[in-house]
Amino acid sequence: MAVVATAEPALRPAVGAEAVEHIRASLTARPAELDRWASFPGVRAARSA
């Protein structure tokens, strides 16, 4: 398994195309979810680096 032999192996490797699709969809949805939460009164926007 070449995955575990890399310098920085994945902690939770995605096994299979379907797993990759689900992970990608989840990560793509997160910015929109964070934007919705940031719109609530009292939530301070994160400072940019």
PDB file of N, CA and C in Angstrom:
ATOM      1  N   MET A   1       0.831  -1.171   0.000  1.00  0.00           N
ATOM      2  CA  MET A   1       0.000   0.000   0.000  1.00  0.00           C
ATOM      3  C   MET A   1       0.879   1.240   0.000  1.00  0.00           C
ATOM      4  N   ALA A   2       0.920   1.886  -1.124  1.00  0.00           N
ATOM      5  CA  ALA A   2       1.724   3.086  -1.276  1.00  0.00           C
ATOM      6  C   ALA A   2       1.218   4.235  -0.412  1.00  0.00           C
ATOM      7  N   VAL A   3      -0.061   4.210  -0.061  1.00  0.00           N
ATOM      8  CA  VAL A   3      -0.646   5.303   0.724  1.00  0.00           C
ATOM      9  C   VAL A   3       0.039   5.444   2.077  1.00  0.00           C
ATOM     10  N   VAL A   4       0.275   4.352   2.760  1.00  0.00           N
ATOM     11  CA  VAL A   4       0.886   4.420   4.088  1.00  0.00           C
ATOM     12  C   VAL A   4       2.391   4.631   4.030  1.00  0.00           C
ATOM     13  N   ALA A   5       2.987   4.482   2.875  1.00  0.00           N
ATOM     14  CA  ALA A   5       4.426   4.668   2.734  1.00  0.00           C
ATOM     15  C   ALA A   5       4.800   6.110   2.406  1.00  0.00           C
ATOM     16  N   THR A   6       3.819   7.001   2.265  1.00  0.00           N
ATOM     17  CA  THR A   6       4.121   8.395   1.947  1.00  0.00           C
ATOM     18  C   THR A   6       4.651   9.109   3.180  1.00  0.00           C
ATOM     19  N   ALA A   7       5.279  10.270   2.962  1.00  0.00           N
ATOM     20  CA  ALA A   7       5.845  11.042   4.064  1.00  0.00           C
ATOM     21  C   ALA A   7       4.760  11.489   5.047  1.00  0.00           C
ATOM     22  N   GLU A   8       3.580  11.845   4.528  1.00  0.00           N
ATOM     23  CA  GLU A   8       2.458  12.265   5.372  1.00  0.00           C
ATOM     24  C   GLU A   8       1.221  11.448   4.999  1.00  0.00           C
ATOM     25  N   PRO A   9       1.102  10.231   5.519  1.00  0.00           N
ATOM     26  CA  PRO A   9      -0.035   9.379   5.151  1.00  0.00           C
ATOM     27  C   PRO A   9      -1.364   9.958   5.643  1.00  0.00           C
ATOM     28  N   ALA A  10      -2.416   9.703   4.915  1.00  0.00           N
ATOM     29  CA  ALA A  10      -3.750  10.168   5.291  1.00  0.00           C
ATOM     30  C   ALA A  10      -4.200   9.464   6.561  1.00  0.00           C
ATOM     31  N   LEU A  11      -4.833  10.210   7.452  1.00  0.00           N
ATOM     32  CA  LEU A  11      -5.341   9.615   8.687  1.00  0.00           C
ATOM     33  C   LEU A  11      -6.586   8.782   8.415  1.00  0.00           C
ATOM     34  N   ARG A  12      -7.401   9.234   7.459  1.00  0.00           N
ATOM     35  CA  ARG A  12      -8.621   8.528   7.086  1.00  0.00           C
ATOM     36  C   ARG A  12      -8.680   8.436   5.566  1.00  0.00           C
ATOM     37  N   PRO A  13      -7.980   7.485   4.991  1.00  0.00           N
ATOM     38  CA  PRO A  13      -7.958   7.402   3.526  1.00  0.00           C
ATOM     39  C   PRO A  13      -9.334   7.078   2.941  1.00  0.00           C
ATOM     40  N   ALA A  14      -9.676   7.781   1.882  1.00  0.00           N
ATOM     41  CA  ALA A  14     -10.934   7.527   1.176  1.00  0.00           C
ATOM     42  C   ALA A  14     -10.732   6.325   0.263  1.00  0.00           C
ATOM     43  N   VAL A  15     -11.508   5.291   0.493  1.00  0.00           N
ATOM     44  CA  VAL A  15     -11.358   4.060  -0.280  1.00  0.00           C
ATOM     45  C   VAL A  15     -12.524   3.965  -1.258  1.00  0.00           C
ATOM     46  N   GLY A  16     -12.229   4.193  -2.516  1.00  0.00           N
ATOM     47  CA  GLY A  16     -13.237   4.063  -3.556  1.00  0.00           C
ATOM     48  C   GLY A  16     -13.750   5.404  -4.053  1.00  0.00           C
ATOM     49  N   ALA A  17     -14.220   5.389  -5.279  1.00  0.00           N
ATOM     50  CA  ALA A  17     -14.707   6.600  -5.935  1.00  0.00           C
ATOM     51  C   ALA A  17     -15.929   7.169  -5.231  1.00  0.00           C
ATOM     52  N   GLU A  18     -16.813   6.321  -4.737  1.00  0.00           N
ATOM     53  CA  GLU A  18     -18.014   6.808  -4.054  1.00  0.00           C
ATOM     54  C   GLU A  18     -17.642   7.547  -2.763  1.00  0.00           C
ATOM     55  N   ALA A  19     -16.671   7.035  -2.044  1.00  0.00           N
ATOM     56  CA  ALA A  19     -16.219   7.703  -0.822  1.00  0.00           C
ATOM     57  C   ALA A  19     -15.655   9.082  -1.148  1.00  0.00           C
ATOM     58  N   VAL A  20     -14.879   9.171  -2.195  1.00  0.00           N
ATOM     59  CA  VAL A  20     -14.304  10.455  -2.603  1.00  0.00           C
ATOM     60  C   VAL A  20     -15.413  11.430  -2.972  1.00  0.00           C
ATOM     61  N   GLU A  21     -16.420  10.970  -3.687  1.00  0.00           N
ATOM     62  CA  GLU A  21     -17.540  11.841  -4.070  1.00  0.00           C
ATOM     63  C   GLU A  21     -18.270  12.381  -2.837  1.00  0.00           C
ATOM     64  N   HIS A  22     -18.522  11.522  -1.856  1.00  0.00           N
ATOM     65  CA  HIS A  22     -19.228  11.947  -0.647  1.00  0.00           C
ATOM     66  C   HIS A  22     -18.392  12.938   0.161  1.00  0.00           C
ATOM     67  N   ILE A  23     -17.123  12.683   0.281  1.00  0.00           N
ATOM     68  CA  ILE A  23     -16.239  13.588   1.020  1.00  0.00           C
ATOM     69  C   ILE A  23     -16.160  14.940   0.315  1.00  0.00           C
ATOM     70  N   ARG A  24     -16.029  14.921  -0.992  1.00  0.00           N
ATOM     71  CA  ARG A  24     -15.963  16.169  -1.762  1.00  0.00           C
ATOM     72  C   ARG A  24     -17.247  16.991  -1.587  1.00  0.00           C
ATOM     73  N   ALA A  25     -18.404  16.323  -1.633  1.00  0.00           N
ATOM     74  CA  ALA A  25     -19.688  17.016  -1.468  1.00  0.00           C
ATOM     75  C   ALA A  25     -19.787  17.638  -0.079  1.00  0.00           C
ATOM     76  N   SER A  26     -19.341  16.915   0.922  1.00  0.00           N
ATOM     77  CA  SER A  26     -19.381  17.427   2.288  1.00  0.00           C
ATOM     78  C   SER A  26     -18.493  18.657   2.440  1.00  0.00           C
ATOM     79  N   LEU A  27     -17.289  18.585   1.915  1.00  0.00           N
ATOM     80  CA  LEU A  27     -16.355  19.716   2.030  1.00  0.00           C
ATOM     81  C   LEU A  27     -16.807  20.913   1.205  1.00  0.00           C
ATOM     82  N   THR A  28     -17.470  20.678   0.095  1.00  0.00           N
ATOM     83  CA  THR A  28     -17.966  21.762  -0.749  1.00  0.00           C
ATOM     84  C   THR A  28     -19.109  22.498  -0.054  1.00  0.00           C
ATOM     85  N   ALA A  29     -19.915  21.789   0.717  1.00  0.00           N
ATOM     86  CA  ALA A  29     -21.061  22.393   1.394  1.00  0.00           C
ATOM     87  C   ALA A  29     -20.662  23.198   2.627  1.00  0.00           C
ATOM     88  N   ARG A  30     -19.522  22.954   3.192  1.00  0.00           N
ATOM     89  CA  ARG A  30     -19.143  23.599   4.452  1.00  0.00           C
ATOM     90  C   ARG A  30     -19.032  25.115   4.386  1.00  0.00           C
ATOM     91  N   PRO A  31     -18.437  25.716   3.359  1.00  0.00           N
ATOM     92  CA  PRO A  31     -18.373  27.189   3.339  1.00  0.00           C
ATOM     93  C   PRO A  31     -19.759  27.839   3.386  1.00  0.00           C
ATOM     94  N   ALA A  32     -20.727  27.283   2.674  1.00  0.00           N
ATOM     95  CA  ALA A  32     -22.079  27.837   2.689  1.00  0.00           C
ATOM     96  C   ALA A  32     -22.690  27.705   4.085  1.00  0.00           C
ATOM     97  N   GLU A  33     -22.451  26.591   4.737  1.00  0.00           N
ATOM     98  CA  GLU A  33     -22.972  26.394   6.093  1.00  0.00           C
ATOM     99  C   GLU A  33     -22.355  27.410   7.048  1.00  0.00           C
ATOM    100  N   LEU A  34     -21.058  27.637   6.940  1.00  0.00           N
ATOM    101  CA  LEU A  34     -20.390  28.616   7.792  1.00  0.00           C
ATOM    102  C   LEU A  34     -20.898  30.024   7.529  1.00  0.00           C
ATOM    103  N   ASP A  35     -21.174  30.348   6.278  1.00  0.00           N
ATOM    104  CA  ASP A  35     -21.718  31.671   5.943  1.00  0.00           C
ATOM    105  C   ASP A  35     -23.086  31.872   6.598  1.00  0.00           C
ATOM    106  N   ARG A  36     -23.909  30.817   6.611  1.00  0.00           N
ATOM    107  CA  ARG A  36     -25.227  30.924   7.259  1.00  0.00           C
ATOM    108  C   ARG A  36     -25.072  31.190   8.752  1.00  0.00           C
ATOM    109  N   TRP A  37     -24.160  30.485   9.414  1.00  0.00           N
ATOM    110  CA  TRP A  37     -23.943  30.683  10.842  1.00  0.00           C
ATOM    111  C   TRP A  37     -23.372  32.065  11.114  1.00  0.00           C
ATOM    112  N   ALA A  38     -22.514  32.546  10.255  1.00  0.00           N
ATOM    113  CA  ALA A  38     -21.890  33.851  10.458  1.00  0.00           C
ATOM    114  C   ALA A  38     -22.900  34.983  10.355  1.00  0.00           C
ATOM    115  N   SER A  39     -24.040  34.738   9.709  1.00  0.00           N
ATOM    116  CA  SER A  39     -25.038  35.791   9.546  1.00  0.00           C
ATOM    117  C   SER A  39     -25.875  36.010  10.805  1.00  0.00           C
ATOM    118  N   PHE A  40     -25.765  35.134  11.810  1.00  0.00           N
ATOM    119  CA  PHE A  40     -26.529  35.306  13.044  1.00  0.00           C
ATOM    120  C   PHE A  40     -25.965  36.466  13.847  1.00  0.00           C
ATOM    121  N   PRO A  41     -26.848  37.251  14.485  1.00  0.00           N
ATOM    122  CA  PRO A  41     -26.393  38.362  15.323  1.00  0.00           C
ATOM    123  C   PRO A  41     -25.490  37.832  16.451  1.00  0.00           C
ATOM    124  N   GLY A  42     -24.469  38.570  16.747  1.00  0.00           N
ATOM    125  CA  GLY A  42     -23.571  38.191  17.835  1.00  0.00           C
ATOM    126  C   GLY A  42     -22.416  37.309  17.409  1.00  0.00           C
ATOM    127  N   VAL A  43     -22.425  36.835  16.187  1.00  0.00           N
ATOM    128  CA  VAL A  43     -21.325  36.001  15.699  1.00  0.00           C
ATOM    129  C   VAL A  43     -20.297  36.919  15.061  1.00  0.00           C
ATOM    130  N   ARG A  44     -19.109  36.879  15.596  1.00  0.00           N
ATOM    131  CA  ARG A  44     -18.055  37.734  15.061  1.00  0.00           C
ATOM    132  C   ARG A  44     -17.390  37.041  13.880  1.00  0.00           C
ATOM    133  N   ALA A  45     -17.085  37.816  12.861  1.00  0.00           N
ATOM    134  CA  ALA A  45     -16.393  37.274  11.685  1.00  0.00           C
ATOM    135  C   ALA A  45     -14.952  36.980  12.062  1.00  0.00           C
ATOM    136  N   ALA A  46     -14.406  35.930  11.505  1.00  0.00           N
ATOM    137  CA  ALA A  46     -13.007  35.577  11.759  1.00  0.00           C
ATOM    138  C   ALA A  46     -12.092  36.588  11.114  1.00  0.00           C
ATOM    139  N   ARG A  47     -11.007  36.868  11.796  1.00  0.00           N
ATOM    140  CA  ARG A  47     -10.037  37.788  11.222  1.00  0.00           C
ATOM    141  C   ARG A  47      -9.225  37.068  10.172  1.00  0.00           C
ATOM    142  N   SER A  48      -8.947  37.742   9.057  1.00  0.00           N
ATOM    143  CA  SER A  48      -8.131  37.119   8.029  1.00  0.00           C
ATOM    144  C   SER A  48      -6.669  37.214   8.412  1.00  0.00           C
ATOM    145  N   ALA A  49      -5.922  36.233   7.966  1.00  0.00           N
ATOM    146  CA  ALA A  49      -4.503  36.134   8.337  1.00  0.00           C
ATOM    147  C   ALA A  49      -3.655  37.142   7.625  1.00  0.00           C
TER     148      ALA A  49
END
